[in-house]
Amino acid sequence: MGFQLSSLLHQLTQSRQTLSASKQLHALIITLNLTSDSFFATKITRLYSINRDLHSARKLFDETPDRSVYLWNSMIRAYAQQHKFKDAFSLFTHMRSSSDTPPDNYTYACIIRACTDKTDLFGLRTVHGGVIVSGLEFDSVSSSALVSGYSKLGLVDEAHAVFDGICDPDLVLWNSMIAGYGYGRESWSKSLQLFSEMRKMGKDPDGYTFVGLISGGVNDPRLLGVYRGIHCLCLKYGLESNSHVASSVVSMYSRCNCLDSAYKSFSSLQNPDIVQWSSLITGFSQTGNSEEALFLFREMILEGERADPTLIASVLGDSSKLAMVEPGRQIHGFVFRQGFESDVKVASSLIDMYTKCGFPVFGVRVFEIMHERNVVTYNSIISGLGSNGLISEAFAVFQEMVEKGFKPDLSTFSALLSSCSHGGLVSDGKEIFRRMEEDFGVTPRIEHYVYMVKLLGMAGELQEAYDLINKMKVPPDSGVLGALLSCCVVHGNAEFGKIVAEMLSEIDPNRIAYRVMLSNIYAANEKWDEVKKLRDNISVSGLRKSPGFSYI
C-alpha cells in the first residue's frame, strides 16, 4: 500500500494536481496514519507548494516530528519560489542552528538562488562562506548555483573564481559559467571562448549549453554568421527538437532582425509550444513589426495554445503602438475568458492600450475592477489620463496612490509632469517637481527636466527655464536644450535662442537642425542679415539639411 501510494504521489506531483486534490491526498495520508512519515510529508508539501498554499505546507511541516533534509529543502524552496525570502532565510537559519539535520548542497543551492532573486549580494557572499565551512566548496550543485548567482548580479569575475576552484567541472558547471558570461552581454565573446575550451576538453554540449550560449548573444546583425554557425552545431548534436533550444534559436535570429530565419526555424517545428510561439512573437514585437506580432498571436490562439500573462502584455503593447483598439479589445475578451483579468501586468497593459488608443473610459474601468494594484498600475492610469487631457483625474489617482501607501517612482513623476506640460499647468508642475525630491526622495532625471523646461518655456518663462537648466545636477543634454530652443522658436526669442543653439552646437556640432531653428527665429524677427549669415555658415561647414517629407 505504501509503495502504491508513494508512486501515486510522485505522479500527482509531476502532473501538478489542483489544491482540492492535494487536500484529499493529505486527508488520505492522515486516515492511514502516515502523517509522521517524512517521505509522504515531503510529497504533500511539494503539492501544496505547486498550488501556492504555503500556509498548509508550513502547517504540515511543523506537525512532522522527524524532518528529513528533503522536507526541509522542500519547505525552504516553496518560500523562495514565491519570493517569501524572509521566511526562507529564517527557516534556513533555524535548520543550521537548532536542527539535527544539517543543510546539504541542494539546501545551499536553493538559498543561493533566493539571494540572487532578491539581489542580495551580501547574503550571497555570506551563504558562500557557509558553503565553504560546510565543506561543499567543491560540490558541483552548490558551485553551479554560486556561479550563476554571481553572474546574474554582475560579478562574473567572482563567478569565474568559483569555477576555477573546481578541478574537473562537470557539464552543469560548464553550462553555468557559459551562461554566466552571457548575462553581461559585453562578455559574450568570453562565453564563446569558454564553449570552445569545453569542447576541446572532450565535453559534449547539451541543450542547456546552447541555451546559455545563445541567450547571452548581443543584438548585432554583424554577428549573424557566428549565430548561424551555432545553429548548425545545434543541428549537428540533434538538438533542433529541444523546446528550449528551438526557442533560443528563434529569439537569436529575431535579435539580429533576421526575421526570415527566425520564422523559418519556427516553421520547421512540428508542434511548437508556448515558449517557441512567444519567442517568435516577441521577436517581431521588439523589431517594430507589431502587425505581424498581432497576426501570429491570433494564429497561436487558433492553434489552441494558451498564452501566458507575459505574452499577453507584450501583444497588448503592439496594439498600443499601432493605436488599434479592435485587436486590443479582442485580446481583452481572451484575457477575460482565460481568467487573467486580475493579473497586474495584464491589467496595466490593458489600461495602457485603451488610453493610448483614445478610450480612457475603458482604461479607467479596467483599473476600477482590479483586485490588486501596484505602482506600475497606478503609473499606467495616471499617464493615460494625462495624455488624454484628463489632468484633474490623473492628479486624483495620484493622491489616491499616495494615500494607499504606494511610493511614487520616476515613472510616476514623468507621467504627472508630462500631463502638466500638455495642459500648461505651470503652478501644478512646479509643485510636483518640488515634491518629487523634497517629499518623496526621488531625484529628477533628464526626462523630468525636459518636461519642466517645456512647461516653463511654452508659458513664456524662458528665463526661469534657462535658470533651471543651469541648476541641473547632471550636465544638460540635447533633449533638455532642444526643448528650450523649440520654446524660443514659438516665442521668437532670438536672444535666448542664440545662447541655446550655441550650447547645442557644442554638444552635437554636426546636427544642423538646431541652426535651422535659430535661423527660423531670426526670420520671424525679420533679422535677414542674421539669417543669411547663419545660412552661409552652414554652407561653409559642409553641412546639409535633410529634405522634409510627408508620411501622407
Protein backbone atom coordinates (compact mmCIF):
# COMPACT_ATOMS: atom_id res chain seq x y z
CA MET A 1 0.00 0.00 0.00
CA GLY A 2 2.83 2.36 0.92
CA PHE A 3 4.63 1.74 -2.41
CA GLN A 4 1.43 2.30 -4.42
CA LEU A 5 0.68 5.49 -2.52
CA SER A 6 4.20 6.85 -2.98
CA SER A 7 4.01 6.07 -6.72
CA LEU A 8 0.68 7.88 -6.93
CA LEU A 9 2.06 10.89 -5.08
CA HIS A 10 5.02 11.05 -7.47
CA GLN A 11 2.71 11.01 -10.50
CA LEU A 12 0.48 13.69 -9.00
CA THR A 13 3.44 15.90 -8.19
CA GLN A 14 4.60 15.67 -11.80
CA SER A 15 1.09 16.38 -13.14
CA ARG A 16 0.60 19.46 -10.89
CA GLN A 17 -2.69 18.47 -9.28
CA THR A 18 -5.19 21.02 -8.04
CA LEU A 19 -5.29 22.24 -4.45
CA SER A 20 -8.50 20.31 -3.84
CA ALA A 21 -6.91 17.02 -4.95
CA SER A 22 -3.83 17.78 -2.80
CA LYS A 23 -6.02 18.23 0.29
CA GLN A 24 -7.83 14.96 -0.44
CA LEU A 25 -4.50 13.12 -0.64
CA HIS A 26 -3.42 14.76 2.61
CA ALA A 27 -6.63 13.55 4.24
CA LEU A 28 -5.95 10.02 2.94
CA ILE A 29 -2.48 10.05 4.49
CA ILE A 30 -3.94 11.18 7.82
CA THR A 31 -6.50 8.35 7.62
CA LEU A 32 -3.71 5.82 7.02
CA ASN A 33 -1.77 7.25 10.00
CA LEU A 34 1.23 8.18 7.82
CA THR A 35 1.49 11.81 8.86
CA SER A 36 4.70 11.23 10.81
CA ASP A 37 6.43 9.77 7.73
CA SER A 38 8.82 12.41 6.37
CA PHE A 39 8.64 10.94 2.83
CA PHE A 40 4.89 11.46 2.49
CA ALA A 41 5.09 14.83 4.24
CA THR A 42 7.65 15.95 1.65
CA LYS A 43 5.44 14.89 -1.26
CA ILE A 44 2.36 16.63 0.12
CA THR A 45 4.42 19.74 0.91
CA ARG A 46 5.51 19.90 -2.72
CA LEU A 47 1.91 19.54 -3.89
CA TYR A 48 0.86 22.41 -1.62
CA SER A 49 3.79 24.45 -2.90
CA ILE A 50 2.81 23.85 -6.53
CA ASN A 51 -0.66 25.17 -5.69
CA ARG A 52 0.81 28.16 -3.78
CA ASP A 53 -0.76 27.14 -0.46
CA LEU A 54 2.16 27.93 1.80
CA HIS A 55 0.03 28.01 4.94
CA SER A 56 -0.98 24.34 4.60
CA ALA A 57 2.56 23.38 3.58
CA ARG A 58 4.08 25.02 6.66
CA LYS A 59 1.41 23.56 8.95
CA LEU A 60 2.26 20.06 7.69
CA PHE A 61 5.98 20.80 8.04
CA ASP A 62 5.56 21.91 11.66
CA GLU A 63 3.46 18.85 12.51
CA THR A 64 6.05 16.38 11.13
CA PRO A 65 8.27 15.23 14.04
CA ASP A 66 11.17 13.66 12.13
CA ARG A 67 12.07 16.01 9.28
CA SER A 68 14.40 14.76 6.61
CA VAL A 69 16.69 17.09 4.65
CA TYR A 70 14.30 16.66 1.71
CA LEU A 71 11.40 18.04 3.74
CA TRP A 72 13.48 20.99 4.92
CA ASN A 73 14.57 21.69 1.34
CA SER A 74 11.00 21.43 0.03
CA MET A 75 9.72 23.99 2.54
CA ILE A 76 12.62 26.40 2.01
CA ARG A 77 12.24 26.09 -1.77
CA ALA A 78 8.49 26.71 -1.50
CA TYR A 79 9.11 30.01 0.28
CA ALA A 80 11.88 31.04 -2.11
CA GLN A 81 9.88 30.26 -5.25
CA GLN A 82 7.08 32.54 -4.09
CA HIS A 83 9.60 35.23 -3.13
CA LYS A 84 8.90 34.85 0.59
CA PHE A 85 12.60 35.43 1.14
CA LYS A 86 12.36 36.39 4.80
CA ASP A 87 10.61 33.12 5.64
CA ALA A 88 13.05 31.11 3.51
CA PHE A 89 16.11 32.63 5.21
CA SER A 90 14.53 32.29 8.65
CA LEU A 91 13.87 28.58 8.08
CA PHE A 92 17.38 28.09 6.70
CA THR A 93 18.87 29.77 9.80
CA HIS A 94 16.72 27.57 12.05
CA MET A 95 17.86 24.48 10.14
CA ARG A 96 21.53 25.38 10.63
CA SER A 97 21.32 26.39 14.30
CA SER A 98 18.78 24.18 16.01
CA SER A 99 18.15 21.22 13.75
CA ASP A 100 19.67 17.77 13.84
CA THR A 101 19.60 17.82 10.05
CA PRO A 102 22.41 19.93 8.55
CA PRO A 103 21.86 21.67 5.18
CA ASP A 104 23.10 19.77 2.13
CA ASN A 105 24.26 21.01 -1.27
CA TYR A 106 20.66 21.37 -2.53
CA THR A 107 19.74 23.47 0.51
CA TYR A 108 22.58 25.86 -0.19
CA ALA A 109 21.74 25.95 -3.90
CA CYS A 110 18.16 26.94 -3.07
CA ILE A 111 19.27 29.72 -0.70
CA ILE A 112 21.82 30.96 -3.22
CA ARG A 113 19.09 31.26 -5.85
CA ALA A 114 16.92 33.12 -3.33
CA CYS A 115 19.75 35.61 -2.68
CA THR A 116 20.11 36.06 -6.43
CA ASP A 117 16.39 36.66 -6.95
CA LYS A 118 16.41 39.13 -4.05
CA THR A 119 19.54 40.86 -5.49
CA ASP A 120 21.16 40.34 -2.10
CA LEU A 121 24.91 40.37 -2.75
CA PHE A 122 25.82 40.48 0.95
CA GLY A 123 23.57 37.49 1.61
CA LEU A 124 25.06 35.61 -1.34
CA ARG A 125 28.60 36.11 -0.03
CA THR A 126 27.50 35.08 3.46
CA VAL A 127 25.97 31.86 2.14
CA HIS A 128 29.11 31.30 0.07
CA GLY A 129 31.04 31.35 3.34
CA GLY A 130 28.62 28.80 4.75
CA VAL A 131 29.22 26.56 1.72
CA ILE A 132 32.97 26.65 2.39
CA VAL A 133 32.56 26.00 6.12
CA SER A 134 30.30 23.02 5.32
CA GLY A 135 32.99 21.55 3.08
CA LEU A 136 30.85 21.88 -0.07
CA GLU A 137 33.03 24.37 -1.97
CA PHE A 138 33.99 21.65 -4.47
CA ASP A 139 30.45 20.33 -4.86
CA SER A 140 29.05 20.71 -8.36
CA VAL A 141 25.48 21.62 -7.31
CA SER A 142 26.36 24.41 -4.88
CA SER A 143 29.21 25.67 -7.10
CA SER A 144 26.93 25.88 -10.13
CA ALA A 145 24.43 27.89 -8.10
CA LEU A 146 27.21 30.23 -6.93
CA VAL A 147 28.50 30.73 -10.49
CA SER A 148 25.00 31.52 -11.71
CA GLY A 149 24.28 33.79 -8.73
CA TYR A 150 27.44 35.88 -9.01
CA SER A 151 26.99 36.16 -12.77
CA LYS A 152 23.39 37.37 -12.56
CA LEU A 153 24.45 40.00 -10.02
CA GLY A 154 27.15 41.25 -12.41
CA LEU A 155 30.18 39.75 -10.62
CA VAL A 156 31.33 37.47 -13.39
CA ASP A 157 34.96 37.55 -12.19
CA GLU A 158 33.92 36.12 -8.81
CA ALA A 159 31.85 33.54 -10.66
CA HIS A 160 34.89 32.52 -12.66
CA ALA A 161 36.95 32.29 -9.46
CA VAL A 162 34.46 29.72 -8.13
CA PHE A 163 34.57 27.90 -11.45
CA ASP A 164 38.38 27.80 -11.48
CA GLY A 165 38.34 26.27 -7.98
CA ILE A 166 36.81 23.05 -9.34
CA CYS A 167 39.46 20.64 -10.66
CA ASP A 168 37.19 18.72 -13.01
CA PRO A 169 34.00 20.70 -13.63
CA ASP A 170 31.07 18.69 -14.89
CA LEU A 171 28.75 19.73 -17.71
CA VAL A 172 26.35 21.51 -15.34
CA LEU A 173 29.15 23.73 -14.06
CA TRP A 174 30.41 24.44 -17.58
CA ASN A 175 26.88 25.42 -18.58
CA SER A 176 26.54 27.76 -15.61
CA MET A 177 29.80 29.54 -16.46
CA ILE A 178 28.99 29.82 -20.17
CA ALA A 179 25.59 31.30 -19.33
CA GLY A 180 27.26 33.49 -16.70
CA TYR A 181 29.37 35.31 -19.25
CA GLY A 182 26.26 35.74 -21.36
CA TYR A 183 24.47 37.70 -18.64
CA GLY A 184 26.98 40.53 -19.02
CA ARG A 185 26.34 40.97 -22.76
CA GLU A 186 29.71 42.69 -23.19
CA SER A 187 31.48 39.47 -22.18
CA TRP A 188 29.68 37.26 -24.69
CA SER A 189 32.94 36.65 -26.60
CA LYS A 190 34.34 35.03 -23.42
CA SER A 191 31.28 32.79 -23.37
CA LEU A 192 32.20 31.65 -26.89
CA GLN A 193 35.82 31.06 -25.85
CA LEU A 194 34.72 29.01 -22.86
CA PHE A 195 32.40 27.00 -25.11
CA SER A 196 35.32 26.20 -27.44
CA GLU A 197 37.52 25.29 -24.47
CA MET A 198 34.88 22.93 -23.14
CA ARG A 199 34.64 21.12 -26.48
CA LYS A 200 38.43 20.82 -26.71
CA MET A 201 38.39 19.07 -23.33
CA GLY A 202 36.04 16.44 -24.71
CA LYS A 203 32.81 17.70 -23.12
CA ASP A 204 29.85 17.42 -25.47
CA PRO A 205 27.35 20.27 -25.10
CA ASP A 206 23.71 19.64 -24.31
CA GLY A 207 20.60 21.75 -24.72
CA TYR A 208 21.36 23.87 -21.63
CA THR A 209 24.80 24.69 -23.04
CA PHE A 210 23.34 26.11 -26.24
CA VAL A 211 20.55 27.95 -24.44
CA GLY A 212 23.11 29.65 -22.18
CA LEU A 213 25.32 30.49 -25.15
CA ILE A 214 22.58 31.74 -27.46
CA SER A 215 20.56 33.66 -24.87
CA GLY A 216 23.56 35.81 -23.97
CA GLY A 217 24.24 36.96 -27.54
CA VAL A 218 24.32 40.63 -28.42
CA ASN A 219 21.90 42.37 -30.78
CA ASP A 220 24.38 42.83 -33.61
CA PRO A 221 23.45 41.79 -37.17
CA ARG A 222 27.18 41.64 -37.98
CA LEU A 223 27.38 38.51 -35.82
CA LEU A 224 24.79 36.71 -37.93
CA GLY A 225 27.48 34.40 -39.36
CA VAL A 226 28.53 33.36 -35.87
CA TYR A 227 24.91 32.77 -34.90
CA ARG A 228 24.34 30.61 -37.98
CA GLY A 229 27.41 28.55 -37.01
CA ILE A 230 25.96 27.98 -33.53
CA HIS A 231 22.65 26.99 -35.12
CA CYS A 232 24.48 24.42 -37.30
CA LEU A 233 26.10 22.95 -34.18
CA CYS A 234 22.65 22.61 -32.60
CA LEU A 235 21.57 20.62 -35.66
CA LYS A 236 24.77 18.55 -35.56
CA TYR A 237 24.11 17.49 -31.97
CA GLY A 238 20.49 16.68 -32.78
CA LEU A 239 19.06 19.35 -30.51
CA GLU A 240 16.78 21.07 -33.03
CA SER A 241 13.74 19.40 -31.46
CA ASN A 242 14.65 20.57 -27.94
CA SER A 243 11.98 23.07 -26.94
CA HIS A 244 14.29 25.49 -25.12
CA VAL A 245 17.00 25.32 -27.80
CA ALA A 246 14.49 25.94 -30.59
CA SER A 247 13.06 28.93 -28.70
CA SER A 248 16.54 30.35 -28.17
CA VAL A 249 17.37 29.97 -31.87
CA VAL A 250 14.20 31.82 -32.85
CA SER A 251 14.99 34.57 -30.33
CA MET A 252 18.61 34.71 -31.54
CA TYR A 253 17.61 35.41 -35.14
CA SER A 254 14.98 37.89 -34.01
CA ARG A 255 17.59 39.89 -32.07
CA CYS A 256 19.58 40.24 -35.28
CA ASN A 257 16.48 41.46 -37.10
CA CYS A 258 16.75 38.35 -39.27
CA LEU A 259 13.07 37.54 -39.02
CA ASP A 260 13.02 35.33 -42.13
CA SER A 261 15.44 32.90 -40.46
CA ALA A 262 13.52 33.17 -37.19
CA TYR A 263 10.26 32.29 -38.93
CA LYS A 264 11.93 29.51 -40.93
CA SER A 265 13.33 27.94 -37.75
CA PHE A 266 9.92 28.23 -36.13
CA SER A 267 8.13 26.74 -39.14
CA SER A 268 10.37 23.66 -39.04
CA LEU A 269 8.91 22.71 -35.65
CA GLN A 270 6.15 20.11 -35.83
CA ASN A 271 4.25 21.13 -32.70
CA PRO A 272 5.58 24.46 -31.40
CA ASP A 273 4.83 25.09 -27.74
CA ILE A 274 4.01 28.33 -25.95
CA VAL A 275 7.70 29.12 -25.35
CA GLN A 276 8.51 28.90 -29.06
CA TRP A 277 5.43 30.91 -30.08
CA SER A 278 6.37 33.53 -27.50
CA SER A 279 9.94 33.78 -28.80
CA LEU A 280 8.77 34.42 -32.35
CA ILE A 281 6.00 36.86 -31.43
CA THR A 282 8.28 38.76 -29.05
CA GLY A 283 10.94 38.89 -31.76
CA PHE A 284 8.53 40.57 -34.17
CA SER A 285 7.39 42.95 -31.42
CA GLN A 286 10.88 44.02 -30.45
CA THR A 287 11.85 44.76 -34.05
CA GLY A 288 8.83 47.01 -34.63
CA ASN A 289 6.77 44.54 -36.62
CA SER A 290 3.69 44.96 -34.47
CA GLU A 291 1.13 43.95 -37.10
CA GLU A 292 2.92 40.65 -37.73
CA ALA A 293 3.16 40.04 -33.98
CA LEU A 294 -0.61 40.50 -33.59
CA PHE A 295 -1.26 38.22 -36.56
CA LEU A 296 0.98 35.49 -35.13
CA PHE A 297 -0.68 35.80 -31.73
CA ARG A 298 -4.06 35.26 -33.36
CA GLU A 299 -2.70 32.21 -35.19
CA MET A 300 -1.33 30.83 -31.94
CA ILE A 301 -4.71 31.14 -30.21
CA LEU A 302 -6.44 29.46 -33.17
CA GLU A 303 -3.93 26.59 -32.84
CA GLY A 304 -5.18 26.05 -29.30
CA GLU A 305 -2.20 27.39 -27.35
CA ARG A 306 -2.92 29.14 -24.06
CA ALA A 307 -0.93 32.37 -23.85
CA ASP A 308 0.65 33.40 -20.56
CA PRO A 309 0.32 36.88 -18.97
CA THR A 310 3.78 37.99 -20.15
CA LEU A 311 2.98 37.32 -23.81
CA ILE A 312 -0.46 38.91 -23.49
CA ALA A 313 1.11 42.07 -22.07
CA SER A 314 3.55 42.11 -24.99
CA VAL A 315 0.89 41.90 -27.72
CA LEU A 316 -1.25 44.48 -25.94
CA GLY A 317 1.80 46.73 -26.27
CA ASP A 318 1.74 46.08 -30.03
CA SER A 319 -1.88 47.15 -30.17
CA SER A 320 -0.91 50.33 -28.28
CA LYS A 321 1.92 51.11 -30.71
CA LEU A 322 -0.45 50.83 -33.66
CA ALA A 323 -3.21 52.74 -31.82
CA MET A 324 -5.58 49.98 -32.96
CA VAL A 325 -8.23 49.38 -30.33
CA GLU A 326 -10.02 46.49 -32.06
CA PRO A 327 -7.19 43.91 -31.69
CA GLY A 328 -6.77 45.12 -28.12
CA ARG A 329 -10.46 44.60 -27.37
CA GLN A 330 -10.31 41.08 -28.82
CA ILE A 331 -7.31 40.31 -26.63
CA HIS A 332 -9.23 41.76 -23.66
CA GLY A 333 -12.00 39.25 -24.37
CA PHE A 334 -9.44 36.45 -24.44
CA VAL A 335 -8.00 37.72 -21.14
CA PHE A 336 -11.44 37.63 -19.56
CA ARG A 337 -12.17 34.08 -20.81
CA GLN A 338 -8.82 32.79 -19.54
CA GLY A 339 -9.19 34.42 -16.12
CA PHE A 340 -6.18 36.74 -16.43
CA GLU A 341 -8.07 39.97 -15.74
CA SER A 342 -6.72 40.05 -12.16
CA ASP A 343 -3.09 39.76 -13.28
CA VAL A 344 -1.38 43.08 -12.52
CA LYS A 345 0.87 43.01 -15.59
CA VAL A 346 -2.01 42.24 -17.96
CA ALA A 347 -4.33 44.81 -16.37
CA SER A 348 -1.64 47.51 -16.59
CA SER A 349 -1.12 46.72 -20.28
CA LEU A 350 -4.88 46.88 -20.90
CA ILE A 351 -5.02 50.31 -19.27
CA ASP A 352 -2.09 51.48 -21.37
CA MET A 353 -3.66 50.10 -24.56
CA TYR A 354 -7.07 51.70 -24.05
CA THR A 355 -5.69 55.10 -23.10
CA LYS A 356 -3.20 55.20 -25.99
CA CYS A 357 -5.97 54.24 -28.39
CA GLY A 358 -8.08 57.17 -27.15
CA PHE A 359 -10.54 55.26 -24.94
CA PRO A 360 -9.58 56.32 -21.41
CA VAL A 361 -13.03 55.42 -20.05
CA PHE A 362 -12.31 51.73 -20.72
CA GLY A 363 -8.87 52.06 -19.14
CA VAL A 364 -10.44 53.56 -16.02
CA ARG A 365 -12.96 50.70 -15.93
CA VAL A 366 -10.16 48.10 -16.02
CA PHE A 367 -8.39 50.00 -13.23
CA GLU A 368 -11.53 50.17 -11.07
CA ILE A 369 -12.26 46.45 -11.15
CA MET A 370 -8.69 45.37 -10.33
CA HIS A 371 -8.41 43.46 -7.06
CA GLU A 372 -4.69 44.08 -6.72
CA ARG A 373 -2.75 47.16 -7.80
CA ASN A 374 0.89 48.20 -7.75
CA VAL A 375 2.97 51.23 -8.69
CA VAL A 376 3.09 50.17 -12.35
CA THR A 377 -0.71 50.04 -12.50
CA TYR A 378 -1.05 53.49 -10.99
CA ASN A 379 1.59 54.86 -13.36
CA SER A 380 -0.31 53.44 -16.34
CA ILE A 381 -3.62 55.06 -15.43
CA ILE A 382 -2.00 58.40 -14.44
CA SER A 383 -0.10 58.57 -17.73
CA GLY A 384 -3.16 57.50 -19.73
CA LEU A 385 -5.47 60.05 -18.15
CA GLY A 386 -2.93 62.84 -18.54
CA SER A 387 -2.22 62.07 -22.21
CA ASN A 388 -5.97 62.25 -22.90
CA GLY A 389 -6.32 65.66 -21.26
CA LEU A 390 -7.98 64.35 -18.08
CA ILE A 391 -5.41 66.03 -15.88
CA SER A 392 -7.54 66.60 -12.77
CA GLU A 393 -8.49 62.91 -12.82
CA ALA A 394 -4.79 61.98 -13.13
CA PHE A 395 -3.98 64.07 -10.04
CA ALA A 396 -6.86 62.45 -8.16
CA VAL A 397 -5.45 58.99 -8.90
CA PHE A 398 -2.00 60.17 -7.78
CA GLN A 399 -3.50 61.37 -4.49
CA GLU A 400 -5.21 58.00 -4.01
CA MET A 401 -1.93 56.24 -4.76
CA VAL A 402 -0.12 58.18 -2.03
CA GLU A 403 -2.95 57.71 0.48
CA LYS A 404 -2.89 53.93 -0.04
CA GLY A 405 0.79 53.80 0.85
CA PHE A 406 2.34 53.31 -2.61
CA LYS A 407 5.61 55.18 -3.11
CA PRO A 408 5.72 57.13 -6.41
CA ASP A 409 8.74 56.41 -8.60
CA LEU A 410 10.47 58.08 -11.54
CA SER A 411 7.78 56.96 -13.99
CA THR A 412 5.02 58.38 -11.76
CA PHE A 413 6.54 61.85 -11.87
CA SER A 414 7.26 61.58 -15.58
CA ALA A 415 3.55 60.91 -16.14
CA LEU A 416 2.48 63.82 -13.90
CA LEU A 417 4.93 66.34 -15.35
CA SER A 418 4.03 65.26 -18.88
CA SER A 419 0.37 65.87 -18.04
CA CYS A 420 1.18 69.35 -16.66
CA SER A 421 3.26 70.11 -19.76
CA HIS A 422 0.44 69.12 -22.11
CA GLY A 423 -2.11 71.10 -20.10
CA GLY A 424 0.07 74.15 -19.46
CA LEU A 425 -0.37 73.82 -15.68
CA VAL A 426 2.72 75.75 -14.61
CA SER A 427 1.98 76.09 -10.88
CA ASP A 428 0.95 72.42 -10.57
CA GLY A 429 4.06 71.35 -12.45
CA LYS A 430 6.31 73.39 -10.18
CA GLU A 431 4.65 71.90 -7.10
CA ILE A 432 5.02 68.33 -8.38
CA PHE A 433 8.67 68.95 -9.30
CA ARG A 434 9.31 70.35 -5.79
CA ARG A 435 7.56 67.49 -4.00
CA MET A 436 9.35 64.92 -6.15
CA GLU A 437 12.61 65.25 -4.23
CA GLU A 438 11.58 67.02 -1.03
CA ASP A 439 8.59 64.81 -0.10
CA PHE A 440 9.34 61.52 -1.84
CA GLY A 441 13.14 61.47 -2.14
CA VAL A 442 13.09 60.87 -5.92
CA THR A 443 15.99 62.59 -7.71
CA PRO A 444 14.90 64.11 -11.05
CA ARG A 445 16.39 62.70 -14.21
CA ILE A 446 16.84 64.24 -17.64
CA GLU A 447 13.29 63.45 -18.79
CA HIS A 448 11.82 65.30 -15.80
CA TYR A 449 13.88 68.39 -16.62
CA VAL A 450 12.71 68.16 -20.24
CA TYR A 451 9.07 68.28 -19.14
CA MET A 452 9.70 71.20 -16.77
CA VAL A 453 11.70 73.20 -19.33
CA LYS A 454 8.99 72.66 -21.93
CA LEU A 455 6.27 73.60 -19.42
CA LEU A 456 8.02 76.82 -18.38
CA GLY A 457 9.19 77.68 -21.88
CA MET A 458 5.81 77.30 -23.55
CA ALA A 459 4.34 79.55 -20.85
CA GLY A 460 6.87 82.23 -21.82
CA GLU A 461 9.02 81.75 -18.71
CA LEU A 462 12.20 81.35 -20.78
CA GLN A 463 14.49 82.91 -18.17
CA GLU A 464 13.20 80.57 -15.46
CA ALA A 465 13.57 77.57 -17.79
CA TYR A 466 17.14 78.62 -18.58
CA ASP A 467 17.94 79.06 -14.87
CA LEU A 468 16.54 75.59 -14.18
CA ILE A 469 18.89 74.10 -16.77
CA ASN A 470 21.86 75.82 -15.12
CA LYS A 471 20.85 74.35 -11.74
CA MET A 472 20.69 70.77 -13.03
CA LYS A 473 22.70 68.23 -11.06
CA VAL A 474 23.64 66.45 -14.29
CA PRO A 475 25.01 68.02 -17.49
CA PRO A 476 22.17 69.07 -19.82
CA ASP A 477 21.82 67.03 -22.98
CA SER A 478 20.34 67.79 -26.38
CA GLY A 479 16.87 66.80 -25.16
CA VAL A 480 16.69 69.49 -22.46
CA LEU A 481 18.33 72.20 -24.55
CA GLY A 482 16.29 71.22 -27.61
CA ALA A 483 13.10 71.65 -25.60
CA LEU A 484 14.14 75.19 -24.61
CA LEU A 485 15.17 76.04 -28.18
CA SER A 486 11.80 74.93 -29.54
CA CYS A 487 10.13 77.24 -26.99
CA CYS A 488 12.38 80.07 -28.17
CA VAL A 489 11.13 79.41 -31.72
CA VAL A 490 7.50 79.59 -30.56
CA HIS A 491 8.06 82.91 -28.79
CA GLY A 492 10.52 84.27 -31.36
CA ASN A 493 13.14 84.98 -28.69
CA ALA A 494 16.39 85.44 -30.62
CA GLU A 495 18.46 86.30 -27.52
CA PHE A 496 17.90 83.01 -25.71
CA GLY A 497 17.70 81.14 -28.99
CA LYS A 498 21.24 82.08 -29.90
CA ILE A 499 22.60 81.10 -26.48
CA VAL A 500 20.86 77.72 -26.51
CA ALA A 501 21.76 76.99 -30.15
CA GLU A 502 25.44 77.59 -29.35
CA MET A 503 25.22 75.24 -26.38
CA LEU A 504 23.63 72.59 -28.60
CA SER A 505 26.29 73.05 -31.28
CA GLU A 506 28.96 72.29 -28.67
CA ILE A 507 27.20 69.07 -27.71
CA ASP A 508 26.46 67.95 -31.27
CA PRO A 509 28.36 70.08 -33.84
CA ASN A 510 27.18 68.00 -36.81
CA ARG A 511 23.47 68.44 -36.08
CA ILE A 512 22.12 71.07 -38.45
CA ALA A 513 18.56 71.16 -37.09
CA TYR A 514 19.50 73.48 -34.22
CA ARG A 515 20.96 76.09 -36.58
CA VAL A 516 17.91 75.87 -38.81
CA MET A 517 15.67 76.50 -35.79
CA LEU A 518 17.77 79.55 -34.86
CA SER A 519 17.51 80.73 -38.47
CA ASN A 520 13.72 80.50 -38.21
CA ILE A 521 13.80 82.66 -35.05
CA TYR A 522 15.83 85.32 -36.88
CA ALA A 523 13.42 85.18 -39.82
CA ALA A 524 10.41 85.60 -37.52
CA ASN A 525 12.07 88.76 -36.17
CA GLU A 526 12.94 89.90 -39.74
CA LYS A 527 16.67 89.81 -38.99
CA TRP A 528 17.51 88.86 -42.55
CA ASP A 529 21.21 89.66 -42.25
CA GLU A 530 21.48 87.18 -39.39
CA VAL A 531 19.55 84.61 -41.42
CA LYS A 532 21.93 84.97 -44.38
CA LYS A 533 24.98 84.88 -42.13
CA LEU A 534 23.78 81.69 -40.44
CA ARG A 535 22.85 80.01 -43.72
CA ASP A 536 26.23 80.91 -45.25
CA ASN A 537 27.95 79.47 -42.18
CA ILE A 538 26.02 76.21 -42.65
CA SER A 539 27.13 76.02 -46.31
CA VAL A 540 30.79 76.73 -45.48
CA SER A 541 30.72 73.99 -42.80
CA GLY A 542 29.67 71.49 -45.45
CA LEU A 543 26.53 70.53 -43.59
CA ARG A 544 23.27 69.89 -45.43
CA LYS A 545 19.72 69.97 -44.19
CA SER A 546 17.77 66.75 -44.73
CA PRO A 547 14.81 67.39 -47.05
CA GLY A 548 11.39 67.26 -45.42
CA PHE A 549 8.86 64.62 -46.41
CA SER A 550 5.29 63.76 -45.62
CA TYR A 551 4.11 60.41 -44.30
CA ILE A 552 0.81 61.05 -46.08
